[in-house]
Each structure stands twice: as C-alpha cells, then as structure tokens.
Amino acid sequence: MAKAATYLKDIRAQVKADHGGKVPDHLNLTIRNYANALEVRDKYREEILKDGVTIFENNTSGFPIRKQHPLCGLLYQQEMLCLSYAKALGGTAAKAAAKPEDKGDKDATNALNEFIDGMR
C-alpha cells in the first residue's frame, strides 16, 4: 500500500496542476483507482522480472517446453487499465490531440470558400 500512497500523491499533484490548483471532487475516486492499479501493475512486473519473461513447464509427455510467463497477459491488461485511468484524468497526449487547434479567424468553411473563389 506504500506505493499506492506515493502514486496517489503524485497523481493528485498532477491533476491539481492541470486544474488550476484544485482537484475536482468528481475525480477523487478515479485518482484512487488509478493509484491502486499502478501498484498492482508494479507487483505483476516485479514477479515477471523475478521469474523471467519465459518459463519452462513440462508438457503432458514430460518434456520441458518454454512458455510465456502467465502474468504477462495480466500485466498487459493492467497496463491498459492504467492507460484508461490516465486518459480519464487527462494525463495522456490523447486529450491534447483531441482538442482542435486554434486556426485564427479562418474555419474550414471559409477556407473552402476562398479556395473555390480562387479557382473561378
């Protein structure tokens, strides 16, 4: 739980910076869930690194076969969960990419009209 507390502090600081010095109340649960998800992700990663990405198991004939660590799939799922929490909090580039850039006083219709006028 110590890692989750550290993550909680860091995430709250980032959200506070993004929202003008205050953490909106509706984000508190998402922040807690994100911190806990990051802690679980770290546990999966530590276990995989300790055992190795691939492990050896005996097949039905008794011969050793090399397999992917069983936690690799769970780690991937946990990474996707963490990414969804980060997106919900606006902590990824996806939110910035979704915002239209300010093009000045021209919009798409005006630009198209100017283009058509130029062709006449």
C-alpha atoms as a PDB file:
ATOM      1  CA  MET A   1       0.000   0.000   0.000  1.00  0.00           C
ATOM      2  CA  ALA A   2       3.028   2.266   0.349  1.00  0.00           C
ATOM      3  CA  LYS A   3       3.453   2.513  -3.411  1.00  0.00           C
ATOM      4  CA  ALA A   4      -0.220   3.358  -3.892  1.00  0.00           C
ATOM      5  CA  ALA A   5       0.125   6.225  -1.410  1.00  0.00           C
ATOM      6  CA  THR A   6       3.115   7.568  -3.319  1.00  0.00           C
ATOM      7  CA  TYR A   7       1.265   7.240  -6.619  1.00  0.00           C
ATOM      8  CA  LEU A   8      -1.790   8.898  -5.067  1.00  0.00           C
ATOM      9  CA  LYS A   9       0.289  11.899  -4.023  1.00  0.00           C
ATOM     10  CA  ASP A  10       1.925  12.209  -7.460  1.00  0.00           C
ATOM     11  CA  ILE A  11      -1.330  11.811  -9.386  1.00  0.00           C
ATOM     12  CA  ARG A  12      -3.141  14.333  -7.184  1.00  0.00           C
ATOM     13  CA  ALA A  13      -0.309  16.827  -7.713  1.00  0.00           C
ATOM     14  CA  GLN A  14      -0.540  16.420 -11.497  1.00  0.00           C
ATOM     15  CA  VAL A  15      -4.337  16.723 -11.534  1.00  0.00           C
ATOM     16  CA  LYS A  16      -4.109  19.761  -9.271  1.00  0.00           C
ATOM     17  CA  ALA A  17      -1.633  21.381 -11.675  1.00  0.00           C
ATOM     18  CA  ASP A  18      -3.890  20.622 -14.633  1.00  0.00           C
ATOM     19  CA  HIS A  19      -6.997  22.071 -12.931  1.00  0.00           C
ATOM     20  CA  GLY A  20      -5.718  25.375 -11.632  1.00  0.00           C
ATOM     21  CA  GLY A  21      -4.566  24.284  -8.166  1.00  0.00           C
ATOM     22  CA  LYS A  22      -7.639  22.305  -7.117  1.00  0.00           C
ATOM     23  CA  VAL A  23      -8.556  18.651  -7.555  1.00  0.00           C
ATOM     24  CA  PRO A  24     -12.183  18.377  -8.710  1.00  0.00           C
ATOM     25  CA  ASP A  25     -14.247  16.237  -6.337  1.00  0.00           C
ATOM     26  CA  HIS A  26     -15.570  14.034  -9.133  1.00  0.00           C
ATOM     27  CA  LEU A  27     -12.007  12.824  -9.876  1.00  0.00           C
ATOM     28  CA  ASN A  28     -11.144  11.566  -6.388  1.00  0.00           C
ATOM     29  CA  LEU A  29     -12.350   8.002  -6.969  1.00  0.00           C
ATOM     30  CA  THR A  30     -10.606   7.785 -10.335  1.00  0.00           C
ATOM     31  CA  ILE A  31      -7.377   9.025  -8.762  1.00  0.00           C
ATOM     32  CA  ARG A  32      -7.565   6.368  -6.004  1.00  0.00           C
ATOM     33  CA  ASN A  33      -8.351   3.620  -8.501  1.00  0.00           C
ATOM     34  CA  TYR A  34      -5.501   4.734 -10.754  1.00  0.00           C
ATOM     35  CA  ALA A  35      -3.018   4.674  -7.849  1.00  0.00           C
ATOM     36  CA  ASN A  36      -4.144   1.178  -6.832  1.00  0.00           C
ATOM     37  CA  ALA A  37      -3.980  -0.054 -10.435  1.00  0.00           C
ATOM     38  CA  LEU A  38      -0.423   1.241 -10.737  1.00  0.00           C
ATOM     39  CA  GLU A  39       0.549  -0.604  -7.564  1.00  0.00           C
ATOM     40  CA  VAL A  40      -0.903  -3.890  -8.870  1.00  0.00           C
ATOM     41  CA  ARG A  41       0.873  -3.321 -12.186  1.00  0.00           C
ATOM     42  CA  ASP A  42       4.165  -2.942 -10.325  1.00  0.00           C
ATOM     43  CA  LYS A  43       3.580  -6.206  -8.433  1.00  0.00           C
ATOM     44  CA  TYR A  44       2.952  -8.080 -11.699  1.00  0.00           C
ATOM     45  CA  ARG A  45       6.061  -6.552 -13.247  1.00  0.00           C
ATOM     46  CA  GLU A  46       8.251  -7.427 -10.247  1.00  0.00           C
ATOM     47  CA  GLU A  47       7.039 -11.037 -10.307  1.00  0.00           C
ATOM     48  CA  ILE A  48       7.693 -11.351 -14.035  1.00  0.00           C
ATOM     49  CA  LEU A  49      11.166  -9.860 -13.739  1.00  0.00           C
ATOM     50  CA  LYS A  50      11.961 -12.159 -10.815  1.00  0.00           C
ATOM     51  CA  ASP A  51      10.887 -15.330 -12.656  1.00  0.00           C
ATOM     52  CA  GLY A  52      11.765 -14.239 -16.185  1.00  0.00           C
ATOM     53  CA  VAL A  53       9.544 -13.383 -19.119  1.00  0.00           C
ATOM     54  CA  THR A  54       9.596 -17.002 -20.249  1.00  0.00           C
ATOM     55  CA  ILE A  55       9.301 -20.027 -18.002  1.00  0.00           C
ATOM     56  CA  PHE A  56       9.769 -23.760 -18.550  1.00  0.00           C
ATOM     57  CA  GLU A  57       6.975 -26.225 -17.859  1.00  0.00           C
ATOM     58  CA  ASN A  58       6.680 -29.905 -18.561  1.00  0.00           C
ATOM     59  CA  ASN A  59       4.163 -30.866 -21.203  1.00  0.00           C
ATOM     60  CA  THR A  60       1.947 -33.970 -20.952  1.00  0.00           C
ATOM     61  CA  SER A  61       4.821 -36.143 -22.198  1.00  0.00           C
ATOM     62  CA  GLY A  62       7.138 -34.813 -19.526  1.00  0.00           C
ATOM     63  CA  PHE A  63       9.305 -32.770 -21.877  1.00  0.00           C
ATOM     64  CA  PRO A  64      10.133 -29.223 -20.818  1.00  0.00           C
ATOM     65  CA  ILE A  65       8.642 -26.528 -23.003  1.00  0.00           C
ATOM     66  CA  ARG A  66       9.259 -22.811 -22.946  1.00  0.00           C
ATOM     67  CA  LYS A  67       6.171 -20.661 -22.319  1.00  0.00           C
ATOM     68  CA  GLN A  68       5.360 -17.041 -21.737  1.00  0.00           C
ATOM     69  CA  HIS A  69       5.072 -16.130 -18.063  1.00  0.00           C
ATOM     70  CA  PRO A  70       1.401 -16.485 -17.058  1.00  0.00           C
ATOM     71  CA  LEU A  71       1.367 -12.969 -15.594  1.00  0.00           C
ATOM     72  CA  CYS A  72       2.373 -11.310 -18.905  1.00  0.00           C
ATOM     73  CA  GLY A  73      -1.259 -11.258 -20.058  1.00  0.00           C
ATOM     74  CA  LEU A  74      -2.395  -9.836 -16.735  1.00  0.00           C
ATOM     75  CA  LEU A  75       0.352  -7.205 -16.880  1.00  0.00           C
ATOM     76  CA  TYR A  76      -0.851  -6.147 -20.315  1.00  0.00           C
ATOM     77  CA  GLN A  77      -4.449  -5.897 -19.072  1.00  0.00           C
ATOM     78  CA  GLN A  78      -3.304  -3.885 -16.065  1.00  0.00           C
ATOM     79  CA  GLU A  79      -1.333  -1.538 -18.336  1.00  0.00           C
ATOM     80  CA  MET A  80      -4.484  -0.962 -20.411  1.00  0.00           C
ATOM     81  CA  LEU A  81      -6.481  -0.262 -17.233  1.00  0.00           C
ATOM     82  CA  CYS A  82      -3.843   2.242 -16.092  1.00  0.00           C
ATOM     83  CA  LEU A  83      -3.922   3.882 -19.502  1.00  0.00           C
ATOM     84  CA  SER A  84      -7.694   4.270 -19.339  1.00  0.00           C
ATOM     85  CA  TYR A  85      -7.423   5.922 -15.908  1.00  0.00           C
ATOM     86  CA  ALA A  86      -4.680   8.225 -17.207  1.00  0.00           C
ATOM     87  CA  LYS A  87      -6.895   9.204 -20.149  1.00  0.00           C
ATOM     88  CA  ALA A  88      -9.842   9.832 -17.818  1.00  0.00           C
ATOM     89  CA  LEU A  89      -7.687  12.199 -15.792  1.00  0.00           C
ATOM     90  CA  GLY A  90      -6.278  13.927 -18.874  1.00  0.00           C
ATOM     91  CA  GLY A  91      -2.765  12.652 -18.241  1.00  0.00           C
ATOM     92  CA  THR A  92      -2.028  11.444 -21.760  1.00  0.00           C
ATOM     93  CA  ALA A  93      -1.330  13.045 -25.085  1.00  0.00           C
ATOM     94  CA  ALA A  94      -4.663  11.688 -26.353  1.00  0.00           C
ATOM     95  CA  LYS A  95      -6.563  14.510 -24.678  1.00  0.00           C
ATOM     96  CA  ALA A  96      -4.272  17.145 -26.156  1.00  0.00           C
ATOM     97  CA  ALA A  97      -4.547  15.543 -29.593  1.00  0.00           C
ATOM     98  CA  ALA A  98      -8.340  15.552 -29.386  1.00  0.00           C
ATOM     99  CA  LYS A  99      -8.505  19.314 -28.904  1.00  0.00           C
ATOM    100  CA  PRO A 100      -8.752  21.282 -32.139  1.00  0.00           C
ATOM    101  CA  GLU A 101      -6.000  23.833 -32.535  1.00  0.00           C
ATOM    102  CA  ASP A 102      -6.854  27.490 -32.850  1.00  0.00           C
ATOM    103  CA  LYS A 103      -6.584  28.391 -36.528  1.00  0.00           C
ATOM    104  CA  GLY A 104      -7.213  32.090 -36.054  1.00  0.00           C
ATOM    105  CA  ASP A 105     -10.353  33.527 -37.606  1.00  0.00           C
ATOM    106  CA  LYS A 106     -10.461  31.040 -40.520  1.00  0.00           C
ATOM    107  CA  ASP A 107     -12.578  27.971 -40.194  1.00  0.00           C
ATOM    108  CA  ALA A 108     -12.929  25.110 -42.661  1.00  0.00           C
ATOM    109  CA  THR A 109     -15.920  26.664 -44.439  1.00  0.00           C
ATOM    110  CA  ASN A 110     -14.167  29.989 -45.024  1.00  0.00           C
ATOM    111  CA  ALA A 111     -11.039  28.239 -46.251  1.00  0.00           C
ATOM    112  CA  LEU A 112     -13.096  26.134 -48.677  1.00  0.00           C
ATOM    113  CA  ASN A 113     -14.959  29.200 -49.928  1.00  0.00           C
ATOM    114  CA  GLU A 114     -11.651  31.029 -50.525  1.00  0.00           C
ATOM    115  CA  PHE A 115     -10.309  28.020 -52.388  1.00  0.00           C
ATOM    116  CA  ILE A 116     -13.399  27.887 -54.647  1.00  0.00           C
ATOM    117  CA  ASP A 117     -13.237  31.660 -55.261  1.00  0.00           C
ATOM    118  CA  GLY A 118      -9.589  31.297 -56.242  1.00  0.00           C
ATOM    119  CA  MET A 119     -10.464  28.647 -58.828  1.00  0.00           C
ATOM    120  CA  ARG A 120     -13.046  30.898 -60.563  1.00  0.00           C
END
